[in-house]
Structures are given as C-alpha cells and as structure tokens.
Amino acid sequence: MSYPGKMLNDGLCDPPAIEIPARQLLGTVCACGGADCPLFNACDGAAEILTRVKSDPTATIRLTTDADRIPHYTALNDEDYAALDQEALFNRKRDLDVLQRLGLAPGDTRRARYLYELLLERVETPDGICAFDTPGWHGCALATSGAYERIREEGWKALVFDRTVEAKANARQLSAERVRTDPILKLRPHHLMCMSCWYGAGGDKAPRGNDTLDIVLERIKTDPQAKIMLVEGNCEACHCCDGFHPGSTRCVHACGLVRDYKKDLDVFQKLGLMPGAVMNARELLMLIYDRIASTREICGYGTGEVNSREWRICGSPEGNPGYATAREALRFPQ
C-alpha cells in the first residue's frame, strides 16, 4: 500500500456512510422542503440523512433497489400475484426512474454533494416519478405539493454543507501567505497545467477564486529557482476551494474529481517522475512544456472523448488554447 499507515478511508470503495433505495434520495429533498414524505418511516427518517450531509459533504451514498430480486415467473403462482404489494411495485419503478434520470445503476455510490447536484439538475419535479394520473398508479399526493421544487430553486446548498464566503476568504489568505513563504512549494502536477491555461487565456489580470495558483505564478515569476515538490492529491493551492472540505481534506466536487487524480498520475508518467520529486520551478515548467504538447494528452485523456459525467473534459477536447499560448509565453531566465 502507498504511504503505509497514512492512507485515508475511501467511502467510494469502502462501505458507504448512507445506503438508501434510490427513491429516497428524491424523498429527502421533499422532506427538506417540508413534506412528510411517506417513503420514510421512524426507523429510517429523512432527517438523519439530511443532518449528516449538511455537516459532511464527503459522506457517501449508495443507491439501491430490489428490482433485480424479482423471482422468475415459473416460481410464482396465482396466489403470489394476488398478494402483490402494489406499493413495493410502485417503489421499484420510482427507484429505476431516479437511477435512469441520474445515469446511474443499482449499487452505485457517490458523494452526497455530487448526487444532490445531479438530482436537482436532472429531476425538475417528483410528479411523474412519485405520482401519475393513471388510474391505479396515483402514488403520492405530495408529489405536486411544491416541496421538492422549493428546494430545487434554492439549489444543492440547501441540502449539503457548503463553506462560507468568510471561511474561503480566510483560507485563501492563509494559503497565499504559505505559497509566498514556503521554502518548497507542494503542488499536484496537473495544477501547473491549470495555471498555464489560466495565464495563457489572459487570466493573470485578476485573482483566481477557487485556488491560489495566481499566487503560485507570482512566486514563480519572482523566483524561477523556487523549489517545487510534486505531490498526489489536494495540495497547498486547494485550501480555499469551495470543493475542499477542511475537516477531512477531501475534494467533494464530482466524486472527489477522480479525474484530477488521473491527471496527476498521467503527468507524473509523462514527466518520468514520482510523487516527492523536487525541481526548481523553471526546470519543472520547461519539462512539462517539453513533454506535454497539449492538454488533450492529459485533460482530454488522449482521445478527447467523454465517456461519463465523472470523466468530463476540462477545456476543449482538442486542447486548451491557453495552455498552448503559455508554452510559448512563459519563459524564464536561467
């Protein structure tokens, strides 16, 4: 195991913090909006789930359904059909409707913020999932109460923990001070490409909001010999990001932005380096620019193809023109 004794638990692969039928994800939003959602009972209440995700956006949620447990018709008889639990049938449809809208499958696990952002983006109303106007399929009377829609209007921050403006501003100040004074900057390698894209697009005319890569560039321009250690995962430029959770040091954007972990490893491979490698800033940037001609190689996975939401491409599939500009413009004296 890498970094023995220091690896963090991973809720995406380890047992999830929360495991619920897919329909209940939608139900928690209705409950947050004030509806007494019948999808919950006293033993598995929505309040407990909402309390957890409001305090911890890294909490993982596994979405389940019993749709794949249906017995083969040869195992059933007339009595079984006569005893059919219609509400259970409705619930299987609700589960599969929610999973289909989210583009997920039974058993899929995602972090809370990711799921609620996706749900509110893709499901406008529970009407048509929790209730229908078909006789015998009327479902939940609260589906048209407006409870879900009220929370959807507010957005995911009504459901899941979000850092305050003050907290992010304080973190940015501390991060900027650290970047300006650390004898060795600790940075994840793909962030030097992000910095280049931003600079090449003319972004250096204003501060960055979600990281301190502008301060990193300021330091590098002032001192091209500044030492940089390349690290895996969140680095000292990340601490003011709205997706950085200080309590756990996790990234809570889109499954923890697993694509960024791949970007780091792809850059390490291209450079022929390992985490912990230390180089001066000028030599490191020149090595990156020499070995990586386009962001398509890293941020476009070499193909420019998007195969899922989690693996979206940052910038153009053909390569970010800002990076190409930076490769020519960011040249430092020896």
Protein backbone atom coordinates (compact mmCIF):
# COMPACT_ATOMS: atom_id res chain seq x y z
CA MET A 1 0.00 0.00 0.00
CA SER A 2 1.21 3.53 -0.80
CA TYR A 3 2.06 5.72 2.21
CA PRO A 4 1.64 2.91 4.82
CA GLY A 5 -0.47 3.86 7.80
CA LYS A 6 -1.45 7.22 6.29
CA MET A 7 -3.94 6.30 3.56
CA LEU A 8 -7.45 7.65 4.23
CA ASN A 9 -10.62 5.59 4.23
CA ASP A 10 -12.38 5.86 0.89
CA GLY A 11 -16.15 6.00 1.11
CA LEU A 12 -16.45 5.40 -2.62
CA CYS A 13 -14.99 1.90 -2.34
CA ASP A 14 -15.40 1.18 1.38
CA PRO A 15 -18.87 0.61 2.89
CA PRO A 16 -20.90 3.80 2.31
CA ALA A 17 -21.94 6.19 5.06
CA ILE A 18 -25.55 6.03 3.84
CA GLU A 19 -27.32 3.27 1.90
CA ILE A 20 -30.83 4.01 0.67
CA PRO A 21 -33.23 3.00 -2.09
CA ALA A 22 -32.79 5.43 -4.97
CA ARG A 23 -36.29 6.85 -4.49
CA GLN A 24 -35.39 8.07 -1.01
CA LEU A 25 -32.75 10.43 -2.42
CA LEU A 26 -35.61 12.33 -4.05
CA GLY A 27 -37.66 11.92 -0.87
CA THR A 28 -35.06 13.69 1.27
CA VAL A 29 -35.45 16.77 -0.92
CA CYS A 30 -39.22 16.75 -0.42
CA ALA A 31 -38.67 16.32 3.31
CA CYS A 32 -36.26 19.24 3.35
CA GLY A 33 -38.99 21.26 1.65
CA GLY A 34 -41.40 20.48 4.48
CA ALA A 35 -43.27 17.45 3.11
CA ASP A 36 -43.87 14.45 5.35
CA CYS A 37 -42.55 12.06 2.71
CA PRO A 38 -44.20 8.60 3.00
CA LEU A 39 -41.07 6.96 1.59
CA PHE A 40 -39.58 7.21 5.08
CA ASN A 41 -40.63 5.89 8.45
CA ALA A 42 -39.49 6.39 12.01
CA CYS A 43 -36.70 3.85 11.61
CA ASP A 44 -35.11 5.35 8.51
CA GLY A 45 -36.05 9.01 8.64
CA ALA A 46 -35.01 11.67 6.16
CA ALA A 47 -33.91 13.96 9.00
CA GLU A 48 -30.93 11.75 9.88
CA ILE A 49 -29.72 11.72 6.29
CA LEU A 50 -30.13 15.48 5.89
CA THR A 51 -28.32 16.15 9.17
CA ARG A 52 -25.39 14.01 8.05
CA VAL A 53 -24.94 15.53 4.59
CA LYS A 54 -25.45 19.07 5.90
CA SER A 55 -22.42 18.61 8.14
CA ASP A 56 -20.30 16.38 5.91
CA PRO A 57 -20.36 16.62 2.09
CA THR A 58 -17.83 13.79 1.89
CA ALA A 59 -20.47 11.34 3.15
CA THR A 60 -21.05 8.68 0.52
CA ILE A 61 -24.48 7.46 -0.52
CA ARG A 62 -25.14 4.10 -2.16
CA LEU A 63 -28.36 3.90 -4.17
CA THR A 64 -30.15 0.55 -4.16
CA THR A 65 -33.30 -1.15 -5.42
CA ASP A 66 -34.83 -4.61 -5.20
CA ALA A 67 -35.72 -4.65 -8.92
CA ASP A 68 -33.17 -7.37 -9.66
CA ARG A 69 -34.56 -9.64 -6.95
CA ILE A 70 -37.83 -10.34 -8.76
CA PRO A 71 -38.36 -14.14 -8.98
CA HIS A 72 -38.70 -15.88 -12.33
CA TYR A 73 -42.34 -16.27 -13.37
CA THR A 74 -42.08 -20.05 -13.07
CA ALA A 75 -41.59 -19.63 -9.33
CA LEU A 76 -44.84 -17.67 -8.98
CA ASN A 77 -48.48 -18.73 -8.85
CA ASP A 78 -51.87 -17.02 -8.77
CA GLU A 79 -51.72 -16.57 -5.01
CA ASP A 80 -48.42 -14.74 -5.27
CA TYR A 81 -49.85 -12.25 -7.78
CA ALA A 82 -52.97 -11.82 -5.67
CA ALA A 83 -50.77 -10.95 -2.70
CA LEU A 84 -48.65 -8.49 -4.67
CA ASP A 85 -47.60 -5.45 -2.64
CA GLN A 86 -48.54 -2.69 -5.06
CA GLU A 87 -46.65 -0.04 -3.11
CA ALA A 88 -43.48 -2.13 -3.41
CA LEU A 89 -44.12 -2.28 -7.16
CA PHE A 90 -44.51 1.49 -7.32
CA ASN A 91 -41.28 1.86 -5.34
CA ARG A 92 -39.31 -0.29 -7.76
CA LYS A 93 -40.45 1.94 -10.59
CA ARG A 94 -39.53 5.04 -8.56
CA ASP A 95 -36.06 3.62 -7.86
CA LEU A 96 -35.42 2.85 -11.51
CA ASP A 97 -36.86 6.18 -12.67
CA VAL A 98 -34.47 8.06 -10.37
CA LEU A 99 -31.47 5.93 -11.38
CA GLN A 100 -32.26 6.38 -15.06
CA ARG A 101 -32.52 10.16 -14.71
CA LEU A 102 -29.18 10.23 -12.88
CA GLY A 103 -27.47 7.93 -15.37
CA LEU A 104 -26.57 5.51 -12.58
CA ALA A 105 -27.10 1.83 -11.82
CA PRO A 106 -28.20 -0.02 -8.67
CA GLY A 107 -25.37 -0.13 -6.14
CA ASP A 108 -23.62 2.97 -7.48
CA THR A 109 -22.00 5.08 -4.77
CA ARG A 110 -21.29 8.79 -4.95
CA ARG A 111 -20.52 11.59 -2.51
CA ALA A 112 -23.53 13.50 -1.17
CA ARG A 113 -22.85 16.79 -2.90
CA TYR A 114 -22.39 15.12 -6.26
CA LEU A 115 -25.68 13.23 -6.01
CA TYR A 116 -27.75 16.20 -4.90
CA GLU A 117 -26.28 18.48 -7.57
CA LEU A 118 -27.05 15.84 -10.19
CA LEU A 119 -30.54 15.14 -8.85
CA LEU A 120 -31.58 18.79 -8.80
CA GLU A 121 -30.17 19.29 -12.29
CA ARG A 122 -31.95 16.34 -13.87
CA VAL A 123 -35.19 15.94 -11.90
CA GLU A 124 -37.39 19.03 -12.04
CA THR A 125 -40.31 17.58 -10.10
CA PRO A 126 -41.31 14.33 -8.37
CA ASP A 127 -44.57 14.42 -10.31
CA GLY A 128 -44.18 11.70 -12.94
CA ILE A 129 -41.88 9.70 -10.68
CA CYS A 130 -43.72 9.51 -7.36
CA ALA A 131 -47.21 10.02 -8.78
CA PHE A 132 -49.14 9.67 -12.05
CA ASP A 133 -52.59 10.49 -13.31
CA THR A 134 -53.07 6.86 -14.43
CA PRO A 135 -55.85 5.06 -12.51
CA GLY A 136 -54.27 2.68 -10.03
CA TRP A 137 -50.93 4.48 -10.22
CA HIS A 138 -51.83 7.71 -8.44
CA GLY A 139 -48.98 7.37 -5.97
CA CYS A 140 -48.01 10.12 -3.54
CA ALA A 141 -50.34 13.11 -3.15
CA LEU A 142 -47.36 15.23 -2.03
CA ALA A 143 -45.67 14.92 -5.43
CA THR A 144 -47.46 18.09 -6.51
CA SER A 145 -47.11 19.96 -3.21
CA GLY A 146 -44.20 22.08 -4.45
CA ALA A 147 -41.95 20.96 -1.58
CA TYR A 148 -39.33 19.46 -3.91
CA GLU A 149 -39.46 22.39 -6.31
CA ARG A 150 -38.88 24.91 -3.49
CA ILE A 151 -35.62 23.23 -2.54
CA ARG A 152 -34.62 22.79 -6.17
CA GLU A 153 -34.99 26.53 -6.60
CA GLU A 154 -32.59 27.10 -3.69
CA GLY A 155 -30.06 24.62 -5.06
CA TRP A 156 -27.81 21.96 -3.52
CA LYS A 157 -26.57 24.30 -0.80
CA ALA A 158 -29.96 23.97 0.88
CA LEU A 159 -29.20 20.29 1.41
CA VAL A 160 -25.44 19.80 1.67
CA PHE A 161 -22.65 21.51 3.59
CA ASP A 162 -21.04 24.45 1.83
CA ARG A 163 -18.13 26.54 3.07
CA THR A 164 -18.97 30.13 3.95
CA VAL A 165 -17.57 33.05 2.00
CA GLU A 166 -15.65 34.10 5.10
CA ALA A 167 -14.14 30.64 5.58
CA LYS A 168 -12.95 30.53 1.97
CA ALA A 169 -11.54 34.07 2.19
CA ASN A 170 -9.61 33.22 5.35
CA ALA A 171 -8.32 30.03 3.78
CA ARG A 172 -7.19 31.93 0.70
CA GLN A 173 -5.29 34.44 2.81
CA LEU A 174 -3.51 31.69 4.73
CA SER A 175 -2.81 29.74 1.55
CA ALA A 176 -1.41 32.81 -0.20
CA GLU A 177 0.93 33.51 2.71
CA ARG A 178 2.11 29.92 2.66
CA VAL A 179 2.71 29.91 -1.10
CA ARG A 180 4.73 33.12 -0.83
CA THR A 181 6.94 31.88 2.00
CA ASP A 182 7.26 28.07 1.88
CA PRO A 183 10.85 27.03 1.16
CA ILE A 184 9.42 24.23 -1.02
CA LEU A 185 6.02 24.56 -2.67
CA LYS A 186 3.93 21.37 -2.53
CA LEU A 187 1.82 21.17 -5.70
CA ARG A 188 -0.04 18.48 -7.59
CA PRO A 189 1.46 18.32 -11.09
CA HIS A 190 -1.63 18.92 -13.19
CA HIS A 191 -2.18 22.20 -11.34
CA LEU A 192 0.82 23.63 -13.14
CA MET A 193 -1.07 22.92 -16.34
CA CYS A 194 -4.20 24.60 -14.92
CA MET A 195 -2.06 27.62 -14.04
CA SER A 196 -0.72 27.69 -17.59
CA CYS A 197 -4.18 27.51 -19.19
CA TRP A 198 -5.35 30.38 -16.99
CA TYR A 199 -2.28 32.51 -17.72
CA GLY A 200 -2.37 31.82 -21.46
CA ALA A 201 -6.01 32.88 -21.60
CA GLY A 202 -5.17 36.25 -20.06
CA GLY A 203 -6.44 35.32 -16.62
CA ASP A 204 -3.45 36.82 -14.83
CA LYS A 205 -5.20 40.19 -14.94
CA ALA A 206 -7.36 39.20 -11.95
CA PRO A 207 -7.04 36.89 -8.89
CA ARG A 208 -8.37 33.34 -9.04
CA GLY A 209 -11.27 32.49 -6.79
CA ASN A 210 -11.12 28.78 -6.04
CA ASP A 211 -7.39 28.29 -5.61
CA THR A 212 -4.12 30.21 -5.19
CA LEU A 213 -2.47 29.30 -8.50
CA ASP A 214 -2.26 33.03 -9.24
CA ILE A 215 -0.03 33.38 -6.19
CA VAL A 216 1.97 30.35 -7.33
CA LEU A 217 2.60 32.05 -10.68
CA GLU A 218 3.52 35.28 -8.90
CA ARG A 219 6.09 33.36 -6.82
CA ILE A 220 7.49 31.54 -9.86
CA LYS A 221 7.84 34.76 -11.87
CA THR A 222 9.63 36.42 -8.98
CA ASP A 223 11.86 33.42 -8.31
CA PRO A 224 12.17 30.90 -11.18
CA GLN A 225 14.56 28.90 -8.98
CA ALA A 226 11.88 28.34 -6.31
CA LYS A 227 11.68 24.67 -5.35
CA ILE A 228 8.53 22.69 -6.08
CA MET A 229 7.73 19.24 -4.72
CA LEU A 230 5.18 17.30 -6.76
CA VAL A 231 2.51 15.56 -4.66
CA GLU A 232 -0.57 13.41 -5.24
CA GLY A 233 -3.99 14.72 -4.34
CA ASN A 234 -5.01 18.04 -2.83
CA CYS A 235 -2.12 20.47 -2.49
CA GLU A 236 -1.50 23.85 -0.94
CA ALA A 237 -3.24 25.65 -3.79
CA CYS A 238 -6.54 23.87 -2.99
CA HIS A 239 -7.35 25.06 0.51
CA CYS A 240 -9.66 27.95 -0.43
CA CYS A 241 -11.72 25.97 -2.96
CA ASP A 242 -15.45 25.58 -2.33
CA GLY A 243 -14.94 21.88 -3.04
CA PHE A 244 -12.25 21.44 -0.38
CA HIS A 245 -13.57 20.04 2.90
CA PRO A 246 -11.16 21.18 5.65
CA GLY A 247 -12.34 18.63 8.18
CA SER A 248 -11.38 15.66 6.03
CA THR A 249 -9.04 17.31 3.46
CA ARG A 250 -11.25 15.70 0.80
CA CYS A 251 -12.35 17.17 -2.51
CA VAL A 252 -16.14 16.98 -2.71
CA HIS A 253 -16.58 18.07 -6.31
CA ALA A 254 -17.98 15.40 -8.68
CA CYS A 255 -16.99 12.22 -6.82
CA GLY A 256 -13.95 13.98 -5.46
CA LEU A 257 -12.91 14.81 -9.01
CA VAL A 258 -11.36 11.41 -9.59
CA ARG A 259 -10.37 12.71 -13.00
CA ASP A 260 -7.86 15.03 -11.29
CA TYR A 261 -6.18 12.08 -9.60
CA LYS A 262 -5.78 10.51 -13.04
CA LYS A 263 -4.44 13.78 -14.43
CA ASP A 264 -1.79 13.86 -11.72
CA LEU A 265 -0.68 10.31 -12.43
CA ASP A 266 -0.70 10.89 -16.18
CA VAL A 267 1.52 13.95 -15.74
CA PHE A 268 3.89 12.00 -13.47
CA GLN A 269 4.12 9.32 -16.15
CA LYS A 270 4.75 11.83 -18.94
CA LEU A 271 7.48 13.52 -16.90
CA GLY A 272 9.04 10.26 -15.74
CA LEU A 273 8.78 11.44 -12.13
CA MET A 274 7.29 10.17 -8.87
CA PRO A 275 5.48 11.93 -6.01
CA GLY A 276 8.03 13.63 -3.79
CA ALA A 277 10.21 14.71 -6.73
CA VAL A 278 11.67 18.20 -6.21
CA MET A 279 12.73 20.53 -9.01
CA ASN A 280 13.12 24.25 -9.40
CA ALA A 281 10.12 25.97 -10.96
CA ARG A 282 11.75 26.92 -14.24
CA GLU A 283 13.11 23.44 -14.95
CA LEU A 284 9.83 21.81 -13.99
CA LEU A 285 7.68 24.02 -16.21
CA MET A 286 10.06 23.61 -19.13
CA LEU A 287 9.92 19.83 -18.65
CA ILE A 288 6.11 19.92 -18.63
CA TYR A 289 6.01 22.09 -21.76
CA ASP A 290 8.55 19.84 -23.48
CA ARG A 291 6.82 16.54 -22.66
CA ILE A 292 3.16 17.64 -22.85
CA ALA A 293 2.30 19.49 -26.03
CA SER A 294 -1.45 19.82 -25.43
CA THR A 295 -3.99 19.48 -22.63
CA ARG A 296 -5.70 16.89 -24.83
CA GLU A 297 -2.99 14.45 -23.69
CA ILE A 298 -3.94 14.85 -20.02
CA CYS A 299 -7.27 16.65 -19.60
CA GLY A 300 -8.74 15.01 -22.72
CA TYR A 301 -7.37 11.57 -21.83
CA GLY A 302 -5.55 11.44 -25.16
CA THR A 303 -8.76 10.89 -27.11
CA GLY A 304 -10.88 13.97 -26.43
CA GLU A 305 -13.81 11.65 -25.66
CA VAL A 306 -16.16 11.97 -22.67
CA ASN A 307 -17.49 8.60 -21.53
CA SER A 308 -19.32 9.70 -18.38
CA ARG A 309 -20.11 12.73 -16.24
CA GLU A 310 -17.30 11.82 -13.84
CA TRP A 311 -14.77 11.87 -16.68
CA ARG A 312 -15.73 15.13 -18.32
CA ILE A 313 -13.01 17.02 -20.15
CA CYS A 314 -11.69 20.30 -18.78
CA GLY A 315 -11.40 22.78 -21.62
CA SER A 316 -11.62 21.78 -25.27
CA PRO A 317 -11.39 18.11 -26.34
CA GLU A 318 -8.80 19.29 -28.85
CA GLY A 319 -6.73 21.05 -26.21
CA ASN A 320 -6.93 24.33 -24.31
CA PRO A 321 -5.51 27.19 -26.44
CA GLY A 322 -4.44 28.98 -23.25
CA TYR A 323 -2.01 26.18 -22.50
CA ALA A 324 -0.53 26.41 -26.00
CA THR A 325 -0.05 30.16 -25.51
CA ALA A 326 1.59 29.65 -22.13
CA ARG A 327 4.05 27.13 -23.58
CA GLU A 328 5.36 29.90 -25.80
CA ALA A 329 4.97 32.87 -23.46
CA LEU A 330 6.08 31.55 -20.05
CA ARG A 331 9.83 31.55 -20.44
CA PHE A 332 12.12 32.28 -17.54
CA PRO A 333 15.77 33.30 -17.26
CA GLN A 334 18.31 30.70 -16.13
